[in-house]
């Protein structure tokens, strides 16, 4: 932050704002729950010990590579090995080897004897689909009975049912058989009487399907369970070492971001807003955890934090007249706009401009100066949507669901955050990738629907306690004359439909046909969109765990950033 900026915000007090009798839609957010816990980071290893750990990591990786090659002649065995590698969170070390192995499997999977077993067939389907290979769900027809339903003979095969359940979450709109598979497996897995450790796997999967979970949380859970099975000691040792080494890096990053946040002192200067820097960083690690994305995490975490304050200015403090001026200031993006703003808005606006100066310096070092233009435009989209909703509230207007979603997909913040996630990613992101986001691609639109509807379903009651725009729930209830429960059920159905479209868009382009000529960003870029949708699935499953930080979010943060894996 510039010296001028620090002088400005230090001289401002929120009490010096507009008259106190101005009515504001204050939301009464609870304060930060972490205190100074993440402001201090003490490395658990000196340089020599860290170097020794890295050497051990490389040795273990080489042994796993050897194991991957050794299982090439046994596809079923190799599949199980790849599944374990992925679930333990170490697949990013073996992307090339796994990619080559799966390419060969895809070419030959129809001739496997293993496909006659539901477990192997479902595992093969899920892993190939996860990596974008086009594999038909027709392989499951052989497990249907004469009535065209999944046979009761599968009920006693718990590993097979669990594999089929997980595979069903990779379904697209063309995979009707997997809709049936999901209903069948859910029904029977919920009624199974199981013992540890299979019971832990089943209960966790029913609560959080693997495909929609956050990679680091899923890895931590699977390490705990995998240890209870007769397992590959090399894999387990590597997974534990890797998790703890990555956790150390994440803790160091969180300290840096927390210090930056504390220096801004928004908790004191803007007490109406959510103080959620730790929870925000949790989101960002959900988008990308790998060590090479350190700069991307730093940039996205800071922009996310400022965007959260802006959201609360529109949603929980600003008057209609004030946010109109603020919207114009964001559109102009010029320090000269500051003199028109109320004092509390100057604090946020100054921080935003200073942050983008910092980002511009960072990306310029990488020869990617063009990227900040797209990020600024994305933030302008966001505040335009916020203001459009504020206008509805000001007019007392309840839109139709269709009207609401046209604005609501942007105001969810999902498209903006997706673009911000690309800023620090390196050369794999090109100008074409940024242009692609401007054309409302199906995967981005579908993921934005997931975000908007999940947020609305779990958060609308709290929002309606103050003057607030109608959510998708209220809009649907009014438009269709249904109850809250009926509206929520329909919106959940739309969420499932949107996941099907996300899955479809992740499939590799066909070598022939219309989509062969379309630009498709690299998979590493698409996965930021998918991972952000996963964050939403986890953080908004039952409550808004960002706004109302309870035991669930506390346990997630503790698992990822406080407690290492016992070695």
Protein backbone atom coordinates (compact mmCIF):
# COMPACT_ATOMS: atom_id res chain seq x y z
CA UNK A 1 0.00 0.00 0.00
CA UNK A 2 1.29 3.49 -0.82
CA UNK A 3 2.27 5.94 1.91
CA UNK A 4 -0.43 8.28 0.62
CA UNK A 5 -2.98 5.48 0.89
CA UNK A 6 -1.95 4.60 4.44
CA UNK A 7 -2.20 8.24 5.46
CA UNK A 8 -5.67 8.46 3.98
CA UNK A 9 -7.19 5.41 5.62
CA UNK A 10 -5.52 6.08 8.97
CA UNK A 11 -7.17 9.49 9.11
CA UNK A 12 -10.63 8.13 8.40
CA UNK A 13 -13.12 6.82 10.89
CA UNK A 14 -16.34 5.19 9.89
CA UNK A 15 -18.10 7.38 12.46
CA UNK A 16 -17.30 10.45 10.33
CA UNK A 17 -19.57 9.17 7.58
CA UNK A 18 -23.07 10.20 6.64
CA UNK A 19 -25.56 11.15 9.39
CA UNK A 20 -26.22 8.42 11.92
CA UNK A 21 -29.94 8.36 11.23
CA UNK A 22 -29.33 7.00 7.70
CA UNK A 23 -31.04 3.61 7.51
CA UNK A 24 -28.56 0.88 6.59
CA UNK A 25 -29.26 -2.84 5.98
CA UNK A 26 -26.64 -3.99 8.51
CA UNK A 27 -26.29 -7.78 8.62
CA UNK A 28 -24.67 -8.36 12.06
CA UNK A 29 -21.89 -10.67 10.88
CA UNK A 30 -19.94 -12.35 13.66
CA UNK A 31 -16.26 -11.36 14.05
CA UNK A 32 -13.22 -13.35 12.97
CA UNK A 33 -12.82 -16.50 15.10
CA UNK A 34 -9.08 -17.09 14.58
CA UNK A 35 -7.51 -14.08 16.27
CA UNK A 36 -3.75 -13.90 15.69
CA UNK A 37 -3.33 -17.65 15.22
CA UNK A 38 -2.09 -17.43 11.63
CA UNK A 39 -0.06 -14.23 11.96
CA UNK A 40 2.97 -16.18 13.16
CA UNK A 41 4.50 -19.06 11.24
CA UNK A 42 7.39 -21.08 12.60
CA UNK A 43 8.79 -23.62 10.12
CA UNK A 44 8.83 -27.09 11.61
CA UNK A 45 12.09 -27.89 9.79
CA UNK A 46 15.40 -26.14 9.28
CA UNK A 47 16.92 -25.95 5.79
CA UNK A 48 18.90 -29.17 6.19
CA UNK A 49 15.87 -31.13 7.41
CA UNK A 50 13.71 -29.67 4.63
CA UNK A 51 16.30 -30.70 2.03
CA UNK A 52 16.33 -34.19 3.51
CA UNK A 53 12.54 -34.36 3.25
CA UNK A 54 12.66 -33.29 -0.39
CA UNK A 55 15.22 -35.97 -1.12
CA UNK A 56 13.04 -38.58 0.59
CA UNK A 57 10.05 -37.31 -1.40
CA UNK A 58 11.91 -37.80 -4.69
CA UNK A 59 12.99 -41.31 -3.72
CA UNK A 60 9.42 -42.28 -2.83
CA UNK A 61 8.11 -40.80 -6.08
CA UNK A 62 10.56 -42.92 -8.04
CA UNK A 63 9.36 -46.06 -6.27
CA UNK A 64 5.74 -45.20 -7.10
CA UNK A 65 6.68 -44.65 -10.76
CA UNK A 66 8.25 -48.10 -10.78
CA UNK A 67 5.08 -49.55 -9.30
CA UNK A 68 2.94 -47.81 -11.93
CA UNK A 69 5.02 -49.31 -14.74
CA UNK A 70 5.05 -52.74 -13.08
CA UNK A 71 1.24 -52.93 -13.05
CA UNK A 72 0.86 -52.02 -16.74
CA UNK A 73 0.18 -55.64 -17.70
CA UNK A 74 -2.68 -55.87 -15.19
CA UNK A 75 -5.18 -53.08 -15.94
CA UNK A 76 -7.41 -53.79 -12.94
CA UNK A 77 -4.47 -53.64 -10.57
CA UNK A 78 -3.11 -50.51 -12.22
CA UNK A 79 -6.52 -48.84 -11.96
CA UNK A 80 -6.65 -49.49 -8.23
CA UNK A 81 -3.16 -48.08 -7.86
CA UNK A 82 -4.07 -44.93 -9.80
CA UNK A 83 -7.24 -44.56 -7.73
CA UNK A 84 -5.21 -44.73 -4.51
CA UNK A 85 -2.66 -42.22 -5.85
CA UNK A 86 -5.42 -39.78 -6.77
CA UNK A 87 -7.36 -40.15 -3.54
CA UNK A 88 -4.22 -39.73 -1.44
CA UNK A 89 -3.63 -36.37 -3.10
CA UNK A 90 -0.32 -37.17 -4.79
CA UNK A 91 -1.44 -37.57 -8.41
CA UNK A 92 -0.03 -34.16 -9.36
CA UNK A 93 3.44 -35.72 -9.09
CA UNK A 94 2.57 -38.35 -11.71
CA UNK A 95 0.42 -36.58 -14.27
CA UNK A 96 2.44 -37.75 -17.27
CA UNK A 97 2.66 -41.39 -16.15
CA UNK A 98 -1.04 -41.55 -15.23
CA UNK A 99 -2.05 -39.85 -18.47
CA UNK A 100 -0.11 -42.38 -20.56
CA UNK A 101 -1.51 -45.32 -18.60
CA UNK A 102 -5.10 -44.10 -18.94
CA UNK A 103 -4.68 -43.47 -22.66
CA UNK A 104 -3.74 -47.13 -23.11
CA UNK A 105 -6.62 -48.24 -20.91
CA UNK A 106 -9.06 -46.14 -22.90
CA UNK A 107 -7.94 -47.79 -26.11
CA UNK A 108 -8.36 -51.32 -24.73
CA UNK A 109 -10.94 -51.17 -21.92
CA UNK A 110 -13.75 -52.78 -23.94
CA UNK A 111 -11.77 -56.02 -24.14
CA UNK A 112 -11.07 -56.40 -20.43
CA UNK A 113 -12.33 -59.38 -18.55
CA UNK A 114 -12.43 -57.07 -15.52
CA UNK A 115 -15.33 -55.15 -17.01
CA UNK A 116 -17.58 -58.06 -16.05
CA UNK A 117 -17.16 -57.03 -12.42
CA UNK A 118 -19.13 -53.99 -11.25
CA UNK A 119 -16.29 -52.67 -9.09
CA UNK A 120 -13.71 -52.69 -11.89
CA UNK A 121 -16.15 -51.42 -14.52
CA UNK A 122 -17.28 -48.53 -12.30
CA UNK A 123 -13.73 -47.67 -11.26
CA UNK A 124 -12.59 -47.68 -14.88
CA UNK A 125 -15.50 -45.49 -15.93
CA UNK A 126 -14.99 -42.96 -13.15
CA UNK A 127 -11.25 -42.57 -13.51
CA UNK A 128 -11.38 -42.26 -17.29
CA UNK A 129 -14.26 -39.78 -17.13
CA UNK A 130 -12.45 -37.76 -14.44
CA UNK A 131 -9.55 -37.29 -16.84
CA UNK A 132 -11.82 -36.32 -19.73
CA UNK A 133 -11.84 -39.57 -21.70
CA UNK A 134 -15.03 -40.33 -23.59
CA UNK A 135 -16.23 -43.65 -22.20
CA UNK A 136 -19.82 -44.77 -22.65
CA UNK A 137 -22.11 -45.54 -19.72
CA UNK A 138 -23.45 -48.41 -21.84
CA UNK A 139 -20.85 -50.60 -20.08
CA UNK A 140 -23.26 -50.76 -17.12
CA UNK A 141 -26.11 -52.34 -19.10
CA UNK A 142 -24.69 -55.81 -18.45
CA UNK A 143 -25.50 -55.32 -14.75
CA UNK A 144 -29.21 -54.74 -15.34
CA UNK A 145 -31.76 -57.49 -14.77
CA UNK A 146 -34.54 -58.57 -17.15
CA UNK A 147 -36.65 -55.61 -16.01
CA UNK A 148 -33.93 -53.13 -16.94
CA UNK A 149 -33.02 -52.36 -13.33
CA UNK A 150 -29.84 -52.90 -11.35
CA UNK A 151 -30.06 -56.39 -9.93
CA UNK A 152 -30.30 -57.26 -6.26
CA UNK A 153 -27.24 -59.46 -6.78
CA UNK A 154 -25.17 -56.28 -6.51
CA UNK A 155 -26.45 -55.44 -3.03
CA UNK A 156 -23.96 -57.67 -1.23
CA UNK A 157 -21.03 -56.20 -3.17
CA UNK A 158 -20.44 -53.06 -1.10
CA UNK A 159 -17.16 -52.06 -2.81
CA UNK A 160 -18.92 -52.47 -6.16
CA UNK A 161 -21.92 -50.39 -5.10
CA UNK A 162 -19.66 -47.69 -3.68
CA UNK A 163 -17.65 -47.58 -6.91
CA UNK A 164 -20.87 -47.32 -8.93
CA UNK A 165 -22.15 -44.56 -6.63
CA UNK A 166 -18.96 -42.54 -7.14
CA UNK A 167 -19.02 -43.17 -10.90
CA UNK A 168 -22.60 -41.90 -11.13
CA UNK A 169 -21.43 -38.41 -10.15
CA UNK A 170 -19.57 -38.18 -13.47
CA UNK A 171 -22.81 -38.54 -15.43
CA UNK A 172 -23.92 -36.22 -18.22
CA UNK A 173 -27.41 -35.62 -19.62
CA UNK A 174 -26.92 -38.64 -21.89
CA UNK A 175 -26.30 -41.06 -19.02
CA UNK A 176 -29.81 -41.94 -17.86
CA UNK A 177 -28.60 -45.31 -16.64
CA UNK A 178 -26.41 -43.51 -14.10
CA UNK A 179 -29.40 -41.61 -12.72
CA UNK A 180 -30.83 -45.03 -11.90
CA UNK A 181 -27.46 -46.17 -10.57
CA UNK A 182 -27.28 -43.23 -8.18
CA UNK A 183 -30.76 -43.85 -6.78
CA UNK A 184 -30.06 -47.59 -6.45
CA UNK A 185 -26.71 -47.23 -4.72
CA UNK A 186 -27.84 -44.42 -2.39
CA UNK A 187 -30.78 -46.47 -1.21
CA UNK A 188 -28.75 -49.60 -0.48
CA UNK A 189 -25.58 -47.97 0.87
CA UNK A 190 -27.61 -45.96 3.39
CA UNK A 191 -29.15 -49.14 4.78
CA UNK A 192 -25.95 -51.22 4.92
CA UNK A 193 -24.60 -52.32 8.29
CA UNK A 194 -20.84 -52.03 7.88
CA UNK A 195 -17.72 -52.22 9.98
CA UNK A 196 -14.61 -50.05 9.93
CA UNK A 197 -12.87 -48.98 7.73
CA UNK A 198 -15.44 -49.59 4.94
CA UNK A 199 -18.09 -47.87 7.05
CA UNK A 200 -16.01 -44.66 7.07
CA UNK A 201 -15.59 -44.75 3.30
CA UNK A 202 -19.32 -45.22 2.70
CA UNK A 203 -20.55 -42.63 5.20
CA UNK A 204 -18.08 -40.04 3.91
CA UNK A 205 -18.99 -40.71 0.27
CA UNK A 206 -22.71 -40.35 0.98
CA UNK A 207 -22.02 -37.01 2.65
CA UNK A 208 -19.39 -35.83 0.13
CA UNK A 209 -19.01 -37.60 -3.24
CA UNK A 210 -15.34 -37.76 -4.18
CA UNK A 211 -15.76 -35.99 -7.52
CA UNK A 212 -17.32 -32.94 -5.87
CA UNK A 213 -14.99 -32.80 -2.87
CA UNK A 214 -11.97 -30.56 -2.29
CA UNK A 215 -8.72 -32.36 -3.18
CA UNK A 216 -6.88 -31.50 0.07
CA UNK A 217 -9.79 -32.38 2.35
CA UNK A 218 -10.39 -35.61 0.45
CA UNK A 219 -6.69 -36.48 0.67
CA UNK A 220 -6.59 -35.89 4.42
CA UNK A 221 -9.65 -38.08 4.94
CA UNK A 222 -8.39 -40.86 2.68
CA UNK A 223 -4.96 -40.94 4.33
CA UNK A 224 -6.69 -41.60 7.66
CA UNK A 225 -8.83 -44.41 6.20
CA UNK A 226 -6.18 -45.91 3.89
CA UNK A 227 -3.94 -46.49 6.88
CA UNK A 228 -6.48 -49.00 8.21
CA UNK A 229 -6.32 -51.18 5.09
CA UNK A 230 -3.53 -53.59 4.14
CA UNK A 231 -1.91 -50.99 1.92
CA UNK A 232 1.05 -49.86 -0.13
CA UNK A 233 3.44 -48.51 2.50
CA UNK A 234 5.27 -46.48 -0.13
CA UNK A 235 2.09 -44.67 -1.14
CA UNK A 236 1.08 -43.96 2.43
CA UNK A 237 4.53 -42.68 3.40
CA UNK A 238 4.65 -40.45 0.32
CA UNK A 239 1.13 -39.13 0.91
CA UNK A 240 1.86 -38.20 4.53
CA UNK A 241 5.16 -36.55 3.71
CA UNK A 242 3.67 -34.66 0.78
CA UNK A 243 0.63 -33.49 2.73
CA UNK A 244 2.73 -32.11 5.57
CA UNK A 245 5.23 -30.42 3.27
CA UNK A 246 2.43 -28.77 1.31
CA UNK A 247 0.70 -27.78 4.53
CA UNK A 248 3.89 -26.00 5.62
CA UNK A 249 3.90 -24.03 2.37
CA UNK A 250 0.22 -23.16 2.76
CA UNK A 251 0.74 -22.02 6.37
CA UNK A 252 3.56 -19.74 5.29
CA UNK A 253 1.37 -18.26 2.55
CA UNK A 254 -1.52 -17.81 4.97
CA UNK A 255 0.76 -15.94 7.35
CA UNK A 256 1.81 -13.51 4.60
CA UNK A 257 -1.79 -12.90 3.53
CA UNK A 258 -2.96 -12.53 7.15
CA UNK A 259 -0.28 -9.90 7.82
CA UNK A 260 -1.36 -7.98 4.72
CA UNK A 261 -4.96 -8.14 5.92
CA UNK A 262 -4.09 -7.02 9.44
CA UNK A 263 -2.19 -4.02 8.04
CA UNK A 264 -5.33 -2.96 6.14
CA UNK A 265 -7.17 -3.08 9.49
CA UNK A 266 -10.59 -3.51 7.88
CA UNK A 267 -11.97 -5.24 10.98
CA UNK A 268 -11.73 -1.89 12.80
CA UNK A 269 -12.27 0.52 9.94
CA UNK A 270 -15.13 -1.35 8.24
CA UNK A 271 -16.74 -3.28 11.11
CA UNK A 272 -19.96 -3.90 9.17
CA UNK A 273 -18.16 -6.29 6.78
CA UNK A 274 -17.22 -9.94 7.16
CA UNK A 275 -13.69 -10.49 8.46
CA UNK A 276 -12.90 -13.81 6.80
CA UNK A 277 -9.31 -13.84 5.52
CA UNK A 278 -8.65 -17.40 6.77
CA UNK A 279 -11.86 -18.81 5.32
CA UNK A 280 -11.12 -17.00 2.07
CA UNK A 281 -7.70 -18.63 1.85
CA UNK A 282 -9.38 -21.99 2.47
CA UNK A 283 -11.50 -21.32 -0.63
CA UNK A 284 -8.43 -20.47 -2.68
CA UNK A 285 -6.51 -23.60 -1.66
CA UNK A 286 -9.62 -25.45 -2.82
CA UNK A 287 -9.16 -23.88 -6.25
CA UNK A 288 -5.47 -24.83 -6.47
CA UNK A 289 -3.31 -26.44 -3.82
CA UNK A 290 -0.26 -27.41 -5.89
CA UNK A 291 3.07 -25.74 -5.00
CA UNK A 292 3.55 -24.18 -8.44
CA UNK A 293 0.44 -22.02 -7.96
CA UNK A 294 1.76 -20.01 -5.00
CA UNK A 295 1.57 -16.68 -6.85
CA UNK A 296 -1.92 -17.48 -8.14
CA UNK A 297 -3.10 -18.22 -4.59
CA UNK A 298 -1.60 -15.00 -3.27
CA UNK A 299 -3.28 -12.89 -5.95
CA UNK A 300 -6.64 -14.62 -5.78
CA UNK A 301 -6.74 -14.57 -1.96
CA UNK A 302 -6.20 -10.82 -1.84
CA UNK A 303 -8.70 -10.02 -4.58
CA UNK A 304 -11.23 -12.38 -2.98
CA UNK A 305 -10.82 -10.57 0.36
CA UNK A 306 -11.41 -7.12 -1.16
CA UNK A 307 -14.30 -8.43 -3.28
CA UNK A 308 -15.92 -9.78 -0.10
CA UNK A 309 -15.77 -6.29 1.42
CA UNK A 310 -17.29 -4.82 -1.75
CA UNK A 311 -20.07 -7.40 -1.58
CA UNK A 312 -20.88 -6.32 1.98
CA UNK A 313 -20.83 -2.64 1.03
CA UNK A 314 -23.59 -3.33 -1.50
CA UNK A 315 -25.39 -5.94 0.54
CA UNK A 316 -25.06 -4.93 4.16
CA UNK A 317 -24.19 -1.26 4.59
CA UNK A 318 -24.31 1.11 1.63
CA UNK A 319 -27.32 3.26 0.82
CA UNK A 320 -28.71 3.26 -2.70
CA UNK A 321 -27.21 6.68 -3.43
CA UNK A 322 -23.79 5.69 -2.07
CA UNK A 323 -23.48 2.47 -4.05
CA UNK A 324 -24.51 4.29 -7.21
CA UNK A 325 -21.48 6.55 -6.77
CA UNK A 326 -19.28 3.56 -5.89
CA UNK A 327 -20.37 1.68 -9.02
CA UNK A 328 -19.42 4.68 -11.15
CA UNK A 329 -16.03 4.85 -9.40
CA UNK A 330 -15.30 1.19 -10.17
CA UNK A 331 -16.30 1.77 -13.79
CA UNK A 332 -13.86 4.67 -14.08
CA UNK A 333 -11.09 2.96 -12.04
CA UNK A 334 -9.25 6.17 -11.25
CA UNK A 335 -7.87 7.52 -8.00
CA UNK A 336 -9.53 10.84 -8.82
CA UNK A 337 -12.92 9.23 -8.09
CA UNK A 338 -12.04 9.00 -4.40
CA UNK A 339 -13.10 12.53 -3.56
CA UNK A 340 -16.71 11.72 -4.54
CA UNK A 341 -16.97 8.71 -2.23
CA UNK A 342 -18.16 8.52 1.38
CA UNK A 343 -15.22 8.05 3.75
CA UNK A 344 -15.81 4.33 4.39
CA UNK A 345 -15.89 3.63 0.65
CA UNK A 346 -12.60 5.46 0.18
CA UNK A 347 -10.92 2.90 2.43
CA UNK A 348 -12.04 -0.01 0.26
CA UNK A 349 -11.53 1.78 -3.06
CA UNK A 350 -7.98 2.81 -2.16
CA UNK A 351 -7.14 -0.75 -1.11
CA UNK A 352 -8.53 -2.09 -4.40
CA UNK A 353 -6.47 0.30 -6.53
CA UNK A 354 -3.32 -0.40 -4.50
CA UNK A 355 -3.84 -4.14 -4.79
CA UNK A 356 -4.16 -3.98 -8.56
CA UNK A 357 -0.98 -1.93 -8.79
CA UNK A 358 0.74 -4.75 -6.91
CA UNK A 359 -0.81 -7.37 -9.21
CA UNK A 360 0.20 -5.44 -12.32
CA UNK A 361 3.81 -5.44 -11.11
CA UNK A 362 3.68 -9.20 -10.46
CA UNK A 363 2.20 -10.21 -13.81
CA UNK A 364 4.45 -7.77 -15.70
CA UNK A 365 7.45 -9.73 -14.41
CA UNK A 366 5.96 -12.77 -16.17
CA UNK A 367 5.26 -10.88 -19.41
CA UNK A 368 1.50 -11.08 -18.87
CA UNK A 369 0.50 -7.45 -18.32
CA UNK A 370 -2.60 -7.90 -20.48
CA UNK A 371 -4.24 -10.04 -17.79
CA UNK A 372 -5.13 -7.24 -15.40
CA UNK A 373 -7.44 -5.70 -18.01
CA UNK A 374 -9.61 -8.82 -17.91
CA UNK A 375 -9.59 -8.88 -14.10
CA UNK A 376 -10.69 -5.25 -13.88
CA UNK A 377 -13.45 -5.85 -16.41
CA UNK A 378 -14.60 -8.87 -14.40
CA UNK A 379 -14.89 -6.73 -11.27
CA UNK A 380 -16.85 -4.15 -13.24
CA UNK A 381 -19.29 -6.90 -14.32
CA UNK A 382 -19.65 -7.84 -10.68
CA UNK A 383 -20.49 -4.38 -9.34
CA UNK A 384 -22.89 -3.74 -12.23
CA UNK A 385 -24.75 -6.88 -11.17
CA UNK A 386 -24.67 -5.81 -7.52
CA UNK A 387 -26.11 -2.44 -8.47
CA UNK A 388 -28.81 -3.98 -10.69
CA UNK A 389 -29.95 -6.03 -7.69
CA UNK A 390 -29.81 -2.96 -5.44
CA UNK A 391 -32.05 -1.18 -7.92
CA UNK A 392 -34.60 -4.00 -7.69
CA UNK A 393 -34.52 -3.73 -3.90
CA UNK A 394 -34.86 0.06 -4.06
CA UNK A 395 -37.92 -0.32 -6.31
CA UNK A 396 -39.41 -3.16 -4.24
CA UNK A 397 -39.37 -5.38 -7.33
CA UNK A 398 -39.34 -9.19 -7.19
CA UNK A 399 -38.11 -10.51 -10.55
CA UNK A 400 -39.04 -13.75 -12.23
CA UNK A 401 -36.54 -16.56 -11.77
CA UNK A 402 -35.33 -16.04 -15.32
CA UNK A 403 -34.77 -12.30 -14.76
CA UNK A 404 -33.08 -12.97 -11.45
CA UNK A 405 -30.68 -15.57 -12.84
CA UNK A 406 -29.59 -13.30 -15.69
CA UNK A 407 -28.18 -10.94 -13.07
CA UNK A 408 -27.67 -13.48 -10.29
CA UNK A 409 -25.13 -15.61 -12.12
CA UNK A 410 -22.82 -12.61 -12.31
CA UNK A 411 -23.60 -11.33 -8.80
CA UNK A 412 -22.71 -14.78 -7.43
CA UNK A 413 -19.13 -13.72 -8.07
CA UNK A 414 -18.35 -17.01 -9.77
CA UNK A 415 -17.46 -15.69 -13.26
CA UNK A 416 -15.34 -12.92 -11.72
CA UNK A 417 -13.48 -15.27 -9.38
CA UNK A 418 -12.87 -17.74 -12.21
CA UNK A 419 -11.14 -15.04 -14.23
CA UNK A 420 -9.18 -13.85 -11.18
CA UNK A 421 -8.01 -17.44 -10.65
CA UNK A 422 -6.18 -17.34 -13.99
CA UNK A 423 -4.10 -14.24 -13.18
CA UNK A 424 -1.06 -15.86 -11.57
CA UNK A 425 -1.16 -19.29 -13.18
CA UNK A 426 1.76 -19.00 -15.57
CA UNK A 427 2.16 -19.63 -19.28
CA UNK A 428 -0.52 -22.33 -19.45
CA UNK A 429 -3.10 -19.51 -19.44
CA UNK A 430 -3.18 -17.53 -22.69
CA UNK A 431 -5.08 -14.50 -23.93
CA UNK A 432 -7.41 -16.93 -25.71
CA UNK A 433 -8.34 -18.41 -22.33
CA UNK A 434 -9.38 -14.99 -21.03
CA UNK A 435 -11.32 -14.24 -24.23
CA UNK A 436 -13.04 -17.61 -23.87
CA UNK A 437 -14.50 -16.58 -20.50
CA UNK A 438 -16.10 -13.52 -22.12
CA UNK A 439 -18.21 -15.72 -24.41
CA UNK A 440 -20.25 -17.26 -21.58
CA UNK A 441 -18.95 -20.83 -22.10
CA UNK A 442 -21.25 -23.62 -20.97
CA UNK A 443 -18.97 -24.92 -18.22
CA UNK A 444 -18.64 -21.47 -16.64
CA UNK A 445 -22.36 -20.82 -16.88
CA UNK A 446 -23.25 -24.22 -15.39
CA UNK A 447 -20.78 -23.80 -12.53
CA UNK A 448 -22.15 -20.30 -11.87
CA UNK A 449 -25.65 -21.80 -11.58
CA UNK A 450 -24.33 -24.26 -8.98
CA UNK A 451 -22.84 -21.36 -7.04
CA UNK A 452 -25.86 -19.07 -7.24
CA UNK A 453 -28.44 -21.68 -6.29
CA UNK A 454 -26.45 -23.34 -3.50
CA UNK A 455 -25.77 -19.94 -1.95
CA UNK A 456 -29.43 -18.94 -2.20
CA UNK A 457 -30.84 -22.19 -0.81
CA UNK A 458 -28.76 -22.13 2.38
CA UNK A 459 -28.49 -18.36 2.83
CA UNK A 460 -31.83 -16.81 1.90
CA UNK A 461 -33.41 -16.91 5.37
CA UNK A 462 -30.57 -14.95 6.96
CA UNK A 463 -30.64 -12.44 4.11
CA UNK A 464 -34.38 -11.86 4.46
CA UNK A 465 -33.91 -10.78 8.09
CA UNK A 466 -32.88 -7.37 6.69
CA UNK A 467 -33.85 -5.37 3.59
CA UNK A 468 -32.50 -7.64 0.85
CA UNK A 469 -33.28 -8.62 -2.70
CA UNK A 470 -35.37 -11.76 -3.14
CA UNK A 471 -33.24 -14.86 -3.70
CA UNK A 472 -33.90 -17.57 -6.26
CA UNK A 473 -35.97 -19.32 -3.59
CA UNK A 474 -38.36 -16.38 -3.06
CA UNK A 475 -38.48 -15.64 -6.80
CA UNK A 476 -39.45 -19.23 -7.59
CA UNK A 477 -42.02 -19.39 -4.79
CA UNK A 478 -43.73 -16.20 -5.97
CA UNK A 479 -43.61 -17.05 -9.68
CA UNK A 480 -44.91 -20.61 -9.33
CA UNK A 481 -47.01 -20.37 -6.17
CA UNK A 482 -45.17 -23.15 -4.34
CA UNK A 483 -43.78 -23.69 -0.85
CA UNK A 484 -40.19 -23.03 0.17
CA UNK A 485 -39.48 -26.76 0.25
CA UNK A 486 -40.89 -27.29 -3.24
CA UNK A 487 -38.86 -24.36 -4.57
CA UNK A 488 -35.69 -25.70 -2.98
CA UNK A 489 -36.27 -29.17 -4.42
CA UNK A 490 -36.58 -27.71 -7.91
CA UNK A 491 -33.43 -25.63 -7.47
CA UNK A 492 -31.53 -28.69 -6.25
CA UNK A 493 -32.66 -30.47 -9.43
CA UNK A 494 -31.22 -27.60 -11.46
CA UNK A 495 -27.95 -27.90 -9.53
CA UNK A 496 -27.74 -31.59 -10.49
CA UNK A 497 -28.46 -30.71 -14.13
CA UNK A 498 -25.68 -28.14 -14.01
CA UNK A 499 -23.19 -30.70 -12.69
CA UNK A 500 -24.10 -32.92 -15.64
CA UNK A 501 -23.25 -30.08 -18.01
CA UNK A 502 -19.97 -29.42 -16.20
CA UNK A 503 -19.09 -33.09 -16.62
CA UNK A 504 -19.97 -32.98 -20.31
CA UNK A 505 -17.81 -29.92 -20.91
CA UNK A 506 -14.82 -31.55 -19.22
CA UNK A 507 -14.72 -34.36 -21.77
CA UNK A 508 -11.94 -34.05 -24.28
CA UNK A 509 -13.08 -32.52 -27.58
CA UNK A 510 -14.05 -35.12 -30.15
CA UNK A 511 -11.65 -35.44 -33.05
CA UNK A 512 -14.52 -34.95 -35.48
CA UNK A 513 -17.66 -32.88 -35.39
CA UNK A 514 -18.57 -29.33 -34.44
CA UNK A 515 -16.65 -29.02 -31.18
CA UNK A 516 -13.38 -30.16 -32.73
CA UNK A 517 -12.80 -26.68 -34.17
CA UNK A 518 -13.78 -24.71 -31.04
CA UNK A 519 -11.16 -23.25 -28.72
CA UNK A 520 -11.00 -25.18 -25.47
CA UNK A 521 -8.66 -23.97 -22.71
CA UNK A 522 -6.13 -26.45 -21.33
CA UNK A 523 -7.53 -28.84 -18.74
CA UNK A 524 -5.51 -27.12 -16.00
CA UNK A 525 -7.49 -23.96 -16.74
CA UNK A 526 -10.88 -25.71 -16.82
CA UNK A 527 -10.12 -27.35 -13.50
CA UNK A 528 -10.01 -23.95 -11.77
CA UNK A 529 -13.67 -23.54 -12.71
CA UNK A 530 -14.49 -27.07 -11.54
CA UNK A 531 -12.53 -26.68 -8.30
CA UNK A 532 -14.31 -23.43 -7.51
CA UNK A 533 -17.63 -25.26 -8.00
CA UNK A 534 -16.33 -27.91 -5.59
CA UNK A 535 -15.56 -25.22 -3.02
CA UNK A 536 -19.18 -24.09 -3.31
CA UNK A 537 -20.46 -27.65 -2.95
CA UNK A 538 -18.45 -28.10 0.25
CA UNK A 539 -18.84 -24.64 1.81
CA UNK A 540 -22.58 -24.32 1.08
CA UNK A 541 -23.69 -27.90 1.58
CA UNK A 542 -25.92 -27.27 4.59
CA UNK A 543 -25.09 -23.71 5.67
CA UNK A 544 -23.18 -20.70 4.41
CA UNK A 545 -19.90 -21.67 6.08
CA UNK A 546 -18.19 -18.49 4.89
CA UNK A 547 -20.65 -16.06 6.44
CA UNK A 548 -21.49 -18.20 9.49
CA UNK A 549 -18.27 -19.95 10.48
CA UNK A 550 -19.30 -22.95 12.55
CA UNK A 551 -17.83 -26.26 13.61
CA UNK A 552 -17.76 -27.59 10.05
CA UNK A 553 -15.58 -24.80 8.65
CA UNK A 554 -13.51 -24.75 11.82
CA UNK A 555 -12.76 -28.46 11.37
CA UNK A 556 -11.86 -27.94 7.70
CA UNK A 557 -9.41 -25.13 8.47
CA UNK A 558 -7.92 -27.10 11.35
CA UNK A 559 -7.47 -30.15 9.14
CA UNK A 560 -5.82 -28.24 6.31
CA UNK A 561 -3.77 -25.56 8.06
CA UNK A 562 -3.22 -26.55 11.69
CA UNK A 563 -2.97 -30.29 12.26
CA UNK A 564 -0.32 -32.16 10.25
CA UNK A 565 -0.79 -35.81 9.37
CA UNK A 566 0.73 -38.02 12.09
CA UNK A 567 3.76 -39.78 10.62
